[in-house]
Amino acid sequence: MTIDRDVQHWAEYFGEDPRLLQAIVQAEGNIVRAIQCSMPTVQ
């Protein structure tokens, strides 16, 4: 799996596994829309 540059950045910043964050992004399909389900102001 290729890790997106922005995913790598945020994973490193928060000390998370970039593979896990990338997998969540891919599983969601559209991470912005997924977050907007509970936080509509995220754009």
PDB file of all heavy atoms in Angstrom:
ATOM      1  N   MET A   1       0.851  -1.166   0.000  1.00  0.00           N
ATOM      2  CA  MET A   1       0.000   0.000   0.000  1.00  0.00           C
ATOM      3  C   MET A   1       0.900   1.234   0.000  1.00  0.00           C
ATOM      4  O   MET A   1       1.858   1.320   0.756  1.00  0.00           O
ATOM      5  CB  MET A   1      -0.905  -0.033   1.232  1.00  0.00           C
ATOM      6  CG  MET A   1      -1.518   1.282   1.590  1.00  0.00           C
ATOM      7  SD  MET A   1      -2.657   1.347   2.996  1.00  0.00           S
ATOM      8  CE  MET A   1      -2.021   0.226   4.165  1.00  0.00           C
ATOM      9  N   THR A   2       0.569   2.183  -0.840  1.00  0.00           N
ATOM     10  CA  THR A   2       1.282   3.455  -0.885  1.00  0.00           C
ATOM     11  C   THR A   2       0.698   4.389   0.172  1.00  0.00           C
ATOM     12  O   THR A   2      -0.524   4.502   0.285  1.00  0.00           O
ATOM     13  CB  THR A   2       1.144   4.097  -2.283  1.00  0.00           C
ATOM     14  OG1 THR A   2       1.680   3.194  -3.250  1.00  0.00           O
ATOM     15  CG2 THR A   2       1.870   5.413  -2.350  1.00  0.00           C
ATOM     16  N   ILE A   3       1.566   5.018   0.923  1.00  0.00           N
ATOM     17  CA  ILE A   3       1.133   5.972   1.951  1.00  0.00           C
ATOM     18  C   ILE A   3       1.161   7.367   1.344  1.00  0.00           C
ATOM     19  O   ILE A   3       2.209   7.828   0.883  1.00  0.00           O
ATOM     20  CB  ILE A   3       2.057   5.927   3.192  1.00  0.00           C
ATOM     21  CG1 ILE A   3       2.225   4.496   3.721  1.00  0.00           C
ATOM     22  CG2 ILE A   3       1.557   6.884   4.264  1.00  0.00           C
ATOM     23  CD1 ILE A   3       0.972   3.860   4.253  1.00  0.00           C
ATOM     24  N   ASP A   4       0.008   8.040   1.345  1.00  0.00           N
ATOM     25  CA  ASP A   4      -0.054   9.410   0.843  1.00  0.00           C
ATOM     26  C   ASP A   4       0.797  10.331   1.709  1.00  0.00           C
ATOM     27  O   ASP A   4       0.914  10.123   2.923  1.00  0.00           O
ATOM     28  CB  ASP A   4      -1.497   9.923   0.837  1.00  0.00           C
ATOM     29  CG  ASP A   4      -2.418   9.112  -0.064  1.00  0.00           C
ATOM     30  OD1 ASP A   4      -1.919   8.484  -1.012  1.00  0.00           O
ATOM     31  OD2 ASP A   4      -3.635   9.126   0.199  1.00  0.00           O
ATOM     32  N   ARG A   5       1.372  11.352   1.095  1.00  0.00           N
ATOM     33  CA  ARG A   5       2.249  12.274   1.807  1.00  0.00           C
ATOM     34  C   ARG A   5       1.540  12.944   2.988  1.00  0.00           C
ATOM     35  O   ARG A   5       2.099  13.043   4.078  1.00  0.00           O
ATOM     36  CB  ARG A   5       2.785  13.338   0.857  1.00  0.00           C
ATOM     37  CG  ARG A   5       3.742  14.318   1.528  1.00  0.00           C
ATOM     38  CD  ARG A   5       4.348  15.247   0.551  1.00  0.00           C
ATOM     39  NE  ARG A   5       5.281  14.455  -0.253  1.00  0.00           N
ATOM     40  CZ  ARG A   5       5.931  14.911  -1.288  1.00  0.00           C
ATOM     41  NH1 ARG A   5       5.772  16.152  -1.665  1.00  0.00           N
ATOM     42  NH2 ARG A   5       6.751  14.139  -1.962  1.00  0.00           N
ATOM     43  N   ASP A   6       0.297  13.379   2.786  1.00  0.00           N
ATOM     44  CA  ASP A   6      -0.425  14.042   3.881  1.00  0.00           C
ATOM     45  C   ASP A   6      -0.768  13.048   4.994  1.00  0.00           C
ATOM     46  O   ASP A   6      -0.732  13.383   6.182  1.00  0.00           O
ATOM     47  CB  ASP A   6      -1.679  14.771   3.391  1.00  0.00           C
ATOM     48  CG  ASP A   6      -2.642  13.905   2.595  1.00  0.00           C
ATOM     49  OD1 ASP A   6      -2.327  12.740   2.295  1.00  0.00           O
ATOM     50  OD2 ASP A   6      -3.728  14.427   2.253  1.00  0.00           O
ATOM     51  N   VAL A   7      -1.029  11.822   4.635  1.00  0.00           N
ATOM     52  CA  VAL A   7      -1.290  10.774   5.631  1.00  0.00           C
ATOM     53  C   VAL A   7      -0.028  10.527   6.458  1.00  0.00           C
ATOM     54  O   VAL A   7      -0.088  10.448   7.690  1.00  0.00           O
ATOM     55  CB  VAL A   7      -1.775   9.477   4.941  1.00  0.00           C
ATOM     56  CG1 VAL A   7      -1.752   8.298   5.896  1.00  0.00           C
ATOM     57  CG2 VAL A   7      -3.163   9.678   4.354  1.00  0.00           C
ATOM     58  N   GLN A   8       1.105  10.414   5.787  1.00  0.00           N
ATOM     59  CA  GLN A   8       2.383  10.225   6.484  1.00  0.00           C
ATOM     60  C   GLN A   8       2.636  11.368   7.463  1.00  0.00           C
ATOM     61  O   GLN A   8       3.032  11.143   8.614  1.00  0.00           O
ATOM     62  CB  GLN A   8       3.530  10.139   5.464  1.00  0.00           C
ATOM     63  CG  GLN A   8       4.883   9.860   6.070  1.00  0.00           C
ATOM     64  CD  GLN A   8       5.011   8.435   6.586  1.00  0.00           C
ATOM     65  OE1 GLN A   8       4.507   7.500   5.962  1.00  0.00           O
ATOM     66  NE2 GLN A   8       5.667   8.261   7.703  1.00  0.00           N
ATOM     67  N   HIS A   9       2.396  12.595   7.014  1.00  0.00           N
ATOM     68  CA  HIS A   9       2.613  13.767   7.864  1.00  0.00           C
ATOM     69  C   HIS A   9       1.777  13.702   9.139  1.00  0.00           C
ATOM     70  O   HIS A   9       2.302  13.830  10.241  1.00  0.00           O
ATOM     71  CB  HIS A   9       2.277  15.048   7.098  1.00  0.00           C
ATOM     72  CG  HIS A   9       2.098  16.235   7.992  1.00  0.00           C
ATOM     73  ND1 HIS A   9       3.164  16.896   8.568  1.00  0.00           N
ATOM     74  CD2 HIS A   9       0.979  16.851   8.439  1.00  0.00           C
ATOM     75  CE1 HIS A   9       2.697  17.876   9.340  1.00  0.00           C
ATOM     76  NE2 HIS A   9       1.379  17.864   9.279  1.00  0.00           N
ATOM     77  N   TRP A  10       0.467  13.491   8.994  1.00  0.00           N
ATOM     78  CA  TRP A  10      -0.412  13.498  10.163  1.00  0.00           C
ATOM     79  C   TRP A  10      -0.151  12.296  11.064  1.00  0.00           C
ATOM     80  O   TRP A  10      -0.200  12.416  12.292  1.00  0.00           O
ATOM     81  CB  TRP A  10      -1.874  13.604   9.756  1.00  0.00           C
ATOM     82  CG  TRP A  10      -2.211  14.985   9.318  1.00  0.00           C
ATOM     83  CD1 TRP A  10      -2.474  15.421   8.056  1.00  0.00           C
ATOM     84  CD2 TRP A  10      -2.262  16.145  10.157  1.00  0.00           C
ATOM     85  NE1 TRP A  10      -2.683  16.766   8.054  1.00  0.00           N
ATOM     86  CE2 TRP A  10      -2.568  17.241   9.328  1.00  0.00           C
ATOM     87  CE3 TRP A  10      -2.071  16.374  11.511  1.00  0.00           C
ATOM     88  CZ2 TRP A  10      -2.703  18.540   9.803  1.00  0.00           C
ATOM     89  CZ3 TRP A  10      -2.201  17.664  12.012  1.00  0.00           C
ATOM     90  CH2 TRP A  10      -2.513  18.731  11.166  1.00  0.00           C
ATOM     91  N   ALA A  11       0.137  11.154  10.484  1.00  0.00           N
ATOM     92  CA  ALA A  11       0.449   9.972  11.297  1.00  0.00           C
ATOM     93  C   ALA A  11       1.703  10.224  12.128  1.00  0.00           C
ATOM     94  O   ALA A  11       1.721   9.938  13.341  1.00  0.00           O
ATOM     95  CB  ALA A  11       0.626   8.752  10.406  1.00  0.00           C
ATOM     96  N   GLU A  12       2.731  10.753  11.520  1.00  0.00           N
ATOM     97  CA  GLU A  12       3.965  11.054  12.257  1.00  0.00           C
ATOM     98  C   GLU A  12       3.718  12.115  13.332  1.00  0.00           C
ATOM     99  O   GLU A  12       4.211  11.988  14.453  1.00  0.00           O
ATOM    100  CB  GLU A  12       5.056  11.534  11.301  1.00  0.00           C
ATOM    101  CG  GLU A  12       5.658  10.426  10.485  1.00  0.00           C
ATOM    102  CD  GLU A  12       6.723  10.919   9.510  1.00  0.00           C
ATOM    103  OE1 GLU A  12       7.100  12.117   9.557  1.00  0.00           O
ATOM    104  OE2 GLU A  12       7.174  10.109   8.694  1.00  0.00           O
ATOM    105  N   TYR A  13       2.972  13.138  12.990  1.00  0.00           N
ATOM    106  CA  TYR A  13       2.698  14.225  13.933  1.00  0.00           C
ATOM    107  C   TYR A  13       2.021  13.708  15.206  1.00  0.00           C
ATOM    108  O   TYR A  13       2.339  14.136  16.307  1.00  0.00           O
ATOM    109  CB  TYR A  13       1.837  15.294  13.255  1.00  0.00           C
ATOM    110  CG  TYR A  13       1.571  16.498  14.114  1.00  0.00           C
ATOM    111  CD1 TYR A  13       2.515  17.519  14.200  1.00  0.00           C
ATOM    112  CD2 TYR A  13       0.399  16.614  14.857  1.00  0.00           C
ATOM    113  CE1 TYR A  13       2.285  18.635  14.999  1.00  0.00           C
ATOM    114  CE2 TYR A  13       0.169  17.707  15.653  1.00  0.00           C
ATOM    115  CZ  TYR A  13       1.109  18.718  15.723  1.00  0.00           C
ATOM    116  OH  TYR A  13       0.881  19.822  16.514  1.00  0.00           O
ATOM    117  N   PHE A  14       1.086  12.766  15.039  1.00  0.00           N
ATOM    118  CA  PHE A  14       0.340  12.232  16.175  1.00  0.00           C
ATOM    119  C   PHE A  14       0.899  10.914  16.704  1.00  0.00           C
ATOM    120  O   PHE A  14       0.338  10.326  17.624  1.00  0.00           O
ATOM    121  CB  PHE A  14      -1.135  12.060  15.821  1.00  0.00           C
ATOM    122  CG  PHE A  14      -1.906  13.347  15.877  1.00  0.00           C
ATOM    123  CD1 PHE A  14      -2.113  14.098  14.735  1.00  0.00           C
ATOM    124  CD2 PHE A  14      -2.408  13.817  17.080  1.00  0.00           C
ATOM    125  CE1 PHE A  14      -2.818  15.290  14.788  1.00  0.00           C
ATOM    126  CE2 PHE A  14      -3.115  15.012  17.141  1.00  0.00           C
ATOM    127  CZ  PHE A  14      -3.319  15.749  15.990  1.00  0.00           C
ATOM    128  N   GLY A  15       1.979  10.433  16.104  1.00  0.00           N
ATOM    129  CA  GLY A  15       2.575   9.185  16.573  1.00  0.00           C
ATOM    130  C   GLY A  15       1.746   7.959  16.247  1.00  0.00           C
ATOM    131  O   GLY A  15       1.767   6.968  16.974  1.00  0.00           O
ATOM    132  N   GLU A  16       1.030   8.005  15.150  1.00  0.00           N
ATOM    133  CA  GLU A  16       0.191   6.882  14.732  1.00  0.00           C
ATOM    134  C   GLU A  16       0.872   6.112  13.598  1.00  0.00           C
ATOM    135  O   GLU A  16       1.767   6.621  12.926  1.00  0.00           O
ATOM    136  CB  GLU A  16      -1.185   7.376  14.270  1.00  0.00           C
ATOM    137  CG  GLU A  16      -2.046   7.937  15.374  1.00  0.00           C
ATOM    138  CD  GLU A  16      -2.442   6.909  16.420  1.00  0.00           C
ATOM    139  OE1 GLU A  16      -2.413   5.694  16.128  1.00  0.00           O
ATOM    140  OE2 GLU A  16      -2.799   7.322  17.535  1.00  0.00           O
ATOM    141  N   ASP A  17       0.426   4.896  13.393  1.00  0.00           N
ATOM    142  CA  ASP A  17       0.942   4.052  12.320  1.00  0.00           C
ATOM    143  C   ASP A  17       0.387   4.577  10.986  1.00  0.00           C
ATOM    144  O   ASP A  17      -0.832   4.588  10.792  1.00  0.00           O
ATOM    145  CB  ASP A  17       0.485   2.611  12.558  1.00  0.00           C
ATOM    146  CG  ASP A  17       0.986   1.630  11.530  1.00  0.00           C
ATOM    147  OD1 ASP A  17       1.467   2.048  10.453  1.00  0.00           O
ATOM    148  OD2 ASP A  17       0.901   0.424  11.806  1.00  0.00           O
ATOM    149  N   PRO A  18       1.251   5.013  10.067  1.00  0.00           N
ATOM    150  CA  PRO A  18       0.762   5.527   8.792  1.00  0.00           C
ATOM    151  C   PRO A  18      -0.037   4.504   7.996  1.00  0.00           C
ATOM    152  O   PRO A  18      -0.962   4.861   7.277  1.00  0.00           O
ATOM    153  CB  PRO A  18       2.026   5.931   8.032  1.00  0.00           C
ATOM    154  CG  PRO A  18       3.158   5.763   8.953  1.00  0.00           C
ATOM    155  CD  PRO A  18       2.692   5.077  10.194  1.00  0.00           C
ATOM    156  N   ARG A  19       0.303   3.203   8.160  1.00  0.00           N
ATOM    157  CA  ARG A  19      -0.456   2.159   7.453  1.00  0.00           C
ATOM    158  C   ARG A  19      -1.894   2.129   7.942  1.00  0.00           C
ATOM    159  O   ARG A  19      -2.823   1.938   7.155  1.00  0.00           O
ATOM    160  CB  ARG A  19       0.182   0.789   7.645  1.00  0.00           C
ATOM    161  CG  ARG A  19       1.565   0.648   7.060  1.00  0.00           C
ATOM    162  CD  ARG A  19       2.224  -0.667   7.477  1.00  0.00           C
ATOM    163  NE  ARG A  19       2.185  -0.783   8.936  1.00  0.00           N
ATOM    164  CZ  ARG A  19       2.009  -1.917   9.604  1.00  0.00           C
ATOM    165  NH1 ARG A  19       1.848  -3.054   8.960  1.00  0.00           N
ATOM    166  NH2 ARG A  19       2.005  -1.941  10.917  1.00  0.00           N
ATOM    167  N   LEU A  20      -2.077   2.296   9.244  1.00  0.00           N
ATOM    168  CA  LEU A  20      -3.430   2.292   9.799  1.00  0.00           C
ATOM    169  C   LEU A  20      -4.218   3.501   9.310  1.00  0.00           C
ATOM    170  O   LEU A  20      -5.359   3.368   8.873  1.00  0.00           O
ATOM    171  CB  LEU A  20      -3.385   2.271  11.330  1.00  0.00           C
ATOM    172  CG  LEU A  20      -4.728   2.392  12.041  1.00  0.00           C
ATOM    173  CD1 LEU A  20      -5.700   1.303  11.594  1.00  0.00           C
ATOM    174  CD2 LEU A  20      -4.527   2.358  13.551  1.00  0.00           C
ATOM    175  N   LEU A  21      -3.603   4.673   9.363  1.00  0.00           N
ATOM    176  CA  LEU A  21      -4.306   5.871   8.900  1.00  0.00           C
ATOM    177  C   LEU A  21      -4.633   5.766   7.418  1.00  0.00           C
ATOM    178  O   LEU A  21      -5.758   6.079   7.007  1.00  0.00           O
ATOM    179  CB  LEU A  21      -3.471   7.122   9.194  1.00  0.00           C
ATOM    180  CG  LEU A  21      -4.100   8.453   8.803  1.00  0.00           C
ATOM    181  CD1 LEU A  21      -5.459   8.645   9.488  1.00  0.00           C
ATOM    182  CD2 LEU A  21      -3.157   9.600   9.141  1.00  0.00           C
ATOM    183  N   GLN A  22      -3.702   5.297   6.609  1.00  0.00           N
ATOM    184  CA  GLN A  22      -3.958   5.137   5.173  1.00  0.00           C
ATOM    185  C   GLN A  22      -5.074   4.124   4.939  1.00  0.00           C
ATOM    186  O   GLN A  22      -5.942   4.333   4.098  1.00  0.00           O
ATOM    187  CB  GLN A  22      -2.689   4.696   4.441  1.00  0.00           C
ATOM    188  CG  GLN A  22      -2.845   4.640   2.932  1.00  0.00           C
ATOM    189  CD  GLN A  22      -2.980   6.014   2.317  1.00  0.00           C
ATOM    190  OE1 GLN A  22      -2.186   6.902   2.592  1.00  0.00           O
ATOM    191  NE2 GLN A  22      -3.984   6.196   1.484  1.00  0.00           N
ATOM    192  N   ALA A  23      -5.086   3.054   5.702  1.00  0.00           N
ATOM    193  CA  ALA A  23      -6.143   2.041   5.566  1.00  0.00           C
ATOM    194  C   ALA A  23      -7.508   2.628   5.910  1.00  0.00           C
ATOM    195  O   ALA A  23      -8.499   2.339   5.237  1.00  0.00           O
ATOM    196  CB  ALA A  23      -5.834   0.844   6.458  1.00  0.00           C
ATOM    197  N   ILE A  24      -7.567   3.447   6.951  1.00  0.00           N
ATOM    198  CA  ILE A  24      -8.836   4.093   7.312  1.00  0.00           C
ATOM    199  C   ILE A  24      -9.289   5.006   6.184  1.00  0.00           C
ATOM    200  O   ILE A  24     -10.463   4.988   5.788  1.00  0.00           O
ATOM    201  CB  ILE A  24      -8.701   4.868   8.640  1.00  0.00           C
ATOM    202  CG1 ILE A  24      -8.517   3.886   9.799  1.00  0.00           C
ATOM    203  CG2 ILE A  24      -9.909   5.780   8.875  1.00  0.00           C
ATOM    204  CD1 ILE A  24      -8.129   4.536  11.116  1.00  0.00           C
ATOM    205  N   VAL A  25      -8.368   5.791   5.645  1.00  0.00           N
ATOM    206  CA  VAL A  25      -8.699   6.694   4.534  1.00  0.00           C
ATOM    207  C   VAL A  25      -9.243   5.895   3.351  1.00  0.00           C
ATOM    208  O   VAL A  25     -10.276   6.251   2.771  1.00  0.00           O
ATOM    209  CB  VAL A  25      -7.455   7.528   4.125  1.00  0.00           C
ATOM    210  CG1 VAL A  25      -7.678   8.252   2.809  1.00  0.00           C
ATOM    211  CG2 VAL A  25      -7.100   8.513   5.237  1.00  0.00           C
ATOM    212  N   GLN A  26      -8.581   4.816   3.012  1.00  0.00           N
ATOM    213  CA  GLN A  26      -9.031   3.999   1.884  1.00  0.00           C
ATOM    214  C   GLN A  26     -10.355   3.301   2.177  1.00  0.00           C
ATOM    215  O   GLN A  26     -11.223   3.225   1.303  1.00  0.00           O
ATOM    216  CB  GLN A  26      -7.958   2.982   1.521  1.00  0.00           C
ATOM    217  CG  GLN A  26      -6.769   3.617   0.838  1.00  0.00           C
ATOM    218  CD  GLN A  26      -5.694   2.619   0.473  1.00  0.00           C
ATOM    219  OE1 GLN A  26      -4.537   2.881   0.713  1.00  0.00           O
ATOM    220  NE2 GLN A  26      -6.061   1.499  -0.103  1.00  0.00           N
ATOM    221  N   ALA A  27     -10.531   2.793   3.383  1.00  0.00           N
ATOM    222  CA  ALA A  27     -11.785   2.109   3.734  1.00  0.00           C
ATOM    223  C   ALA A  27     -12.961   3.069   3.694  1.00  0.00           C
ATOM    224  O   ALA A  27     -14.068   2.673   3.320  1.00  0.00           O
ATOM    225  CB  ALA A  27     -11.665   1.466   5.111  1.00  0.00           C
ATOM    226  N   GLU A  28     -12.723   4.312   4.066  1.00  0.00           N
ATOM    227  CA  GLU A  28     -13.805   5.295   4.076  1.00  0.00           C
ATOM    228  C   GLU A  28     -14.154   5.778   2.667  1.00  0.00           C
ATOM    229  O   GLU A  28     -15.275   6.204   2.431  1.00  0.00           O
ATOM    230  CB  GLU A  28     -13.432   6.500   4.952  1.00  0.00           C
ATOM    231  CG  GLU A  28     -13.373   6.186   6.427  1.00  0.00           C
ATOM    232  CD  GLU A  28     -14.713   5.790   7.021  1.00  0.00           C
ATOM    233  OE1 GLU A  28     -15.761   5.948   6.368  1.00  0.00           O
ATOM    234  OE2 GLU A  28     -14.715   5.290   8.158  1.00  0.00           O
ATOM    235  N   GLY A  29     -13.210   5.728   1.765  1.00  0.00           N
ATOM    236  CA  GLY A  29     -13.474   6.203   0.409  1.00  0.00           C
ATOM    237  C   GLY A  29     -13.319   7.709   0.298  1.00  0.00           C
ATOM    238  O   GLY A  29     -12.542   8.196  -0.483  1.00  0.00           O
ATOM    239  N   ASN A  30     -14.052   8.447   1.093  1.00  0.00           N
ATOM    240  CA  ASN A  30     -13.951   9.910   1.136  1.00  0.00           C
ATOM    241  C   ASN A  30     -13.861  10.299   2.602  1.00  0.00           C
ATOM    242  O   ASN A  30     -14.883  10.391   3.292  1.00  0.00           O
ATOM    243  CB  ASN A  30     -15.167  10.544   0.457  1.00  0.00           C
ATOM    244  CG  ASN A  30     -15.072  12.051   0.399  1.00  0.00           C
ATOM    245  OD1 ASN A  30     -14.474  12.691   1.258  1.00  0.00           O
ATOM    246  ND2 ASN A  30     -15.678  12.627  -0.623  1.00  0.00           N
ATOM    247  N   ILE A  31     -12.657  10.519   3.078  1.00  0.00           N
ATOM    248  CA  ILE A  31     -12.442  10.778   4.507  1.00  0.00           C
ATOM    249  C   ILE A  31     -13.115  12.060   4.959  1.00  0.00           C
ATOM    250  O   ILE A  31     -13.579  12.149   6.093  1.00  0.00           O
ATOM    251  CB  ILE A  31     -10.928  10.752   4.858  1.00  0.00           C
ATOM    252  CG1 ILE A  31     -10.709  10.674   6.372  1.00  0.00           C
ATOM    253  CG2 ILE A  31     -10.205  11.930   4.247  1.00  0.00           C
ATOM    254  CD1 ILE A  31     -11.203   9.422   7.027  1.00  0.00           C
ATOM    255  N   VAL A  32     -13.214  13.054   4.091  1.00  0.00           N
ATOM    256  CA  VAL A  32     -13.885  14.303   4.476  1.00  0.00           C
ATOM    257  C   VAL A  32     -15.363  14.039   4.731  1.00  0.00           C
ATOM    258  O   VAL A  32     -15.905  14.431   5.769  1.00  0.00           O
ATOM    259  CB  VAL A  32     -13.689  15.404   3.406  1.00  0.00           C
ATOM    260  CG1 VAL A  32     -14.480  16.658   3.766  1.00  0.00           C
ATOM    261  CG2 VAL A  32     -12.207  15.732   3.240  1.00  0.00           C
ATOM    262  N   ARG A  33     -16.019  13.342   3.822  1.00  0.00           N
ATOM    263  CA  ARG A  33     -17.439  13.016   4.030  1.00  0.00           C
ATOM    264  C   ARG A  33     -17.644  12.140   5.253  1.00  0.00           C
ATOM    265  O   ARG A  33     -18.623  12.295   5.977  1.00  0.00           O
ATOM    266  CB  ARG A  33     -18.022  12.318   2.799  1.00  0.00           C
ATOM    267  CG  ARG A  33     -18.535  13.297   1.796  1.00  0.00           C
ATOM    268  CD  ARG A  33     -19.452  12.736   0.747  1.00  0.00           C
ATOM    269  NE  ARG A  33     -19.736  11.322   0.847  1.00  0.00           N
ATOM    270  CZ  ARG A  33     -19.806  10.499  -0.168  1.00  0.00           C
ATOM    271  NH1 ARG A  33     -19.603  10.927  -1.385  1.00  0.00           N
ATOM    272  NH2 ARG A  33     -20.089   9.226   0.012  1.00  0.00           N
ATOM    273  N   ALA A  34     -16.730  11.227   5.505  1.00  0.00           N
ATOM    274  CA  ALA A  34     -16.836  10.363   6.685  1.00  0.00           C
ATOM    275  C   ALA A  34     -16.790  11.194   7.962  1.00  0.00           C
ATOM    276  O   ALA A  34     -17.586  10.978   8.874  1.00  0.00           O
ATOM    277  CB  ALA A  34     -15.720   9.324   6.686  1.00  0.00           C
ATOM    278  N   ILE A  35     -15.886  12.142   8.026  1.00  0.00           N
ATOM    279  CA  ILE A  35     -15.773  13.001   9.203  1.00  0.00           C
ATOM    280  C   ILE A  35     -16.981  13.918   9.310  1.00  0.00           C
ATOM    281  O   ILE A  35     -17.472  14.196  10.402  1.00  0.00           O
ATOM    282  CB  ILE A  35     -14.462  13.823   9.160  1.00  0.00           C
ATOM    283  CG1 ILE A  35     -13.237  12.906   9.208  1.00  0.00           C
ATOM    284  CG2 ILE A  35     -14.416  14.848  10.279  1.00  0.00           C
ATOM    285  CD1 ILE A  35     -13.127  12.062  10.449  1.00  0.00           C
ATOM    286  N   GLN A  36     -17.477  14.371   8.183  1.00  0.00           N
ATOM    287  CA  GLN A  36     -18.634  15.274   8.202  1.00  0.00           C
ATOM    288  C   GLN A  36     -19.890  14.631   8.779  1.00  0.00           C
ATOM    289  O   GLN A  36     -20.798  15.345   9.201  1.00  0.00           O
ATOM    290  CB  GLN A  36     -18.925  15.799   6.790  1.00  0.00           C
ATOM    291  CG  GLN A  36     -17.913  16.816   6.331  1.00  0.00           C
ATOM    292  CD  GLN A  36     -18.113  17.235   4.893  1.00  0.00           C
ATOM    293  OE1 GLN A  36     -18.699  16.506   4.081  1.00  0.00           O
ATOM    294  NE2 GLN A  36     -17.614  18.411   4.566  1.00  0.00           N
ATOM    295  N   CYS A  37     -19.940  13.314   8.868  1.00  0.00           N
ATOM    296  CA  CYS A  37     -21.096  12.653   9.492  1.00  0.00           C
ATOM    297  C   CYS A  37     -21.252  13.092  10.945  1.00  0.00           C
ATOM    298  O   CYS A  37     -22.363  13.186  11.450  1.00  0.00           O
ATOM    299  CB  CYS A  37     -20.949  11.135   9.423  1.00  0.00           C
ATOM    300  SG  CYS A  37     -21.175  10.473   7.776  1.00  0.00           S
ATOM    301  N   SER A  38     -20.129  13.338  11.611  1.00  0.00           N
ATOM    302  CA  SER A  38     -20.210  13.773  13.008  1.00  0.00           C
ATOM    303  C   SER A  38     -19.711  15.201  13.211  1.00  0.00           C
ATOM    304  O   SER A  38     -19.998  15.813  14.231  1.00  0.00           O
ATOM    305  CB  SER A  38     -19.413  12.824  13.913  1.00  0.00           C
ATOM    306  OG  SER A  38     -18.066  12.797  13.509  1.00  0.00           O
ATOM    307  N   MET A  39     -18.976  15.712  12.241  1.00  0.00           N
ATOM    308  CA  MET A  39     -18.438  17.070  12.341  1.00  0.00           C
ATOM    309  C   MET A  39     -18.660  17.785  11.002  1.00  0.00           C
ATOM    310  O   MET A  39     -17.743  17.878  10.183  1.00  0.00           O
ATOM    311  CB  MET A  39     -16.949  17.045  12.685  1.00  0.00           C
ATOM    312  CG  MET A  39     -16.638  16.393  14.014  1.00  0.00           C
ATOM    313  SD  MET A  39     -14.861  16.381  14.347  1.00  0.00           S
ATOM    314  CE  MET A  39     -14.614  18.099  14.769  1.00  0.00           C
ATOM    315  N   PRO A  40     -19.867  18.290  10.771  1.00  0.00           N
ATOM    316  CA  PRO A  40     -20.209  18.866   9.463  1.00  0.00           C
ATOM    317  C   PRO A  40     -19.355  20.061   9.038  1.00  0.00           C
ATOM    318  O   PRO A  40     -19.289  20.374   7.857  1.00  0.00           O
ATOM    319  CB  PRO A  40     -21.671  19.297   9.624  1.00  0.00           C
ATOM    320  CG  PRO A  40     -22.159  18.668  10.859  1.00  0.00           C
ATOM    321  CD  PRO A  40     -20.984  18.289  11.687  1.00  0.00           C
ATOM    322  N   THR A  41     -18.691  20.710   9.981  1.00  0.00           N
ATOM    323  CA  THR A  41     -17.898  21.886   9.630  1.00  0.00           C
ATOM    324  C   THR A  41     -16.540  21.549   9.016  1.00  0.00           C
ATOM    325  O   THR A  41     -15.873  22.422   8.476  1.00  0.00           O
ATOM    326  CB  THR A  41     -17.679  22.792  10.863  1.00  0.00           C
ATOM    327  OG1 THR A  41     -16.990  22.042  11.868  1.00  0.00           O
ATOM    328  CG2 THR A  41     -19.003  23.302  11.405  1.00  0.00           C
ATOM    329  N   VAL A  42     -16.122  20.297   9.091  1.00  0.00           N
ATOM    330  CA  VAL A  42     -14.842  19.900   8.496  1.00  0.00           C
ATOM    331  C   VAL A  42     -14.991  19.937   6.977  1.00  0.00           C
ATOM    332  O   VAL A  42     -15.849  19.265   6.417  1.00  0.00           O
ATOM    333  CB  VAL A  42     -14.405  18.499   8.981  1.00  0.00           C
ATOM    334  CG1 VAL A  42     -13.203  18.008   8.187  1.00  0.00           C
ATOM    335  CG2 VAL A  42     -14.097  18.533  10.465  1.00  0.00           C
ATOM    336  N   GLN A  43     -14.127  20.721   6.328  1.00  0.00           N
ATOM    337  CA  GLN A  43     -14.253  20.924   4.888  1.00  0.00           C
ATOM    338  C   GLN A  43     -13.046  20.462   4.086  1.00  0.00           C
ATOM    339  O   GLN A  43     -13.131  20.375   2.868  1.00  0.00           O
ATOM    340  CB  GLN A  43     -14.494  22.420   4.596  1.00  0.00           C
ATOM    341  CG  GLN A  43     -15.782  22.945   5.187  1.00  0.00           C
ATOM    342  CD  GLN A  43     -17.013  22.288   4.583  1.00  0.00           C
ATOM    343  OE1 GLN A  43     -17.109  22.118   3.368  1.00  0.00           O
ATOM    344  NE2 GLN A  43     -17.949  21.879   5.417  1.00  0.00           N
TER     345      GLN A  43
END
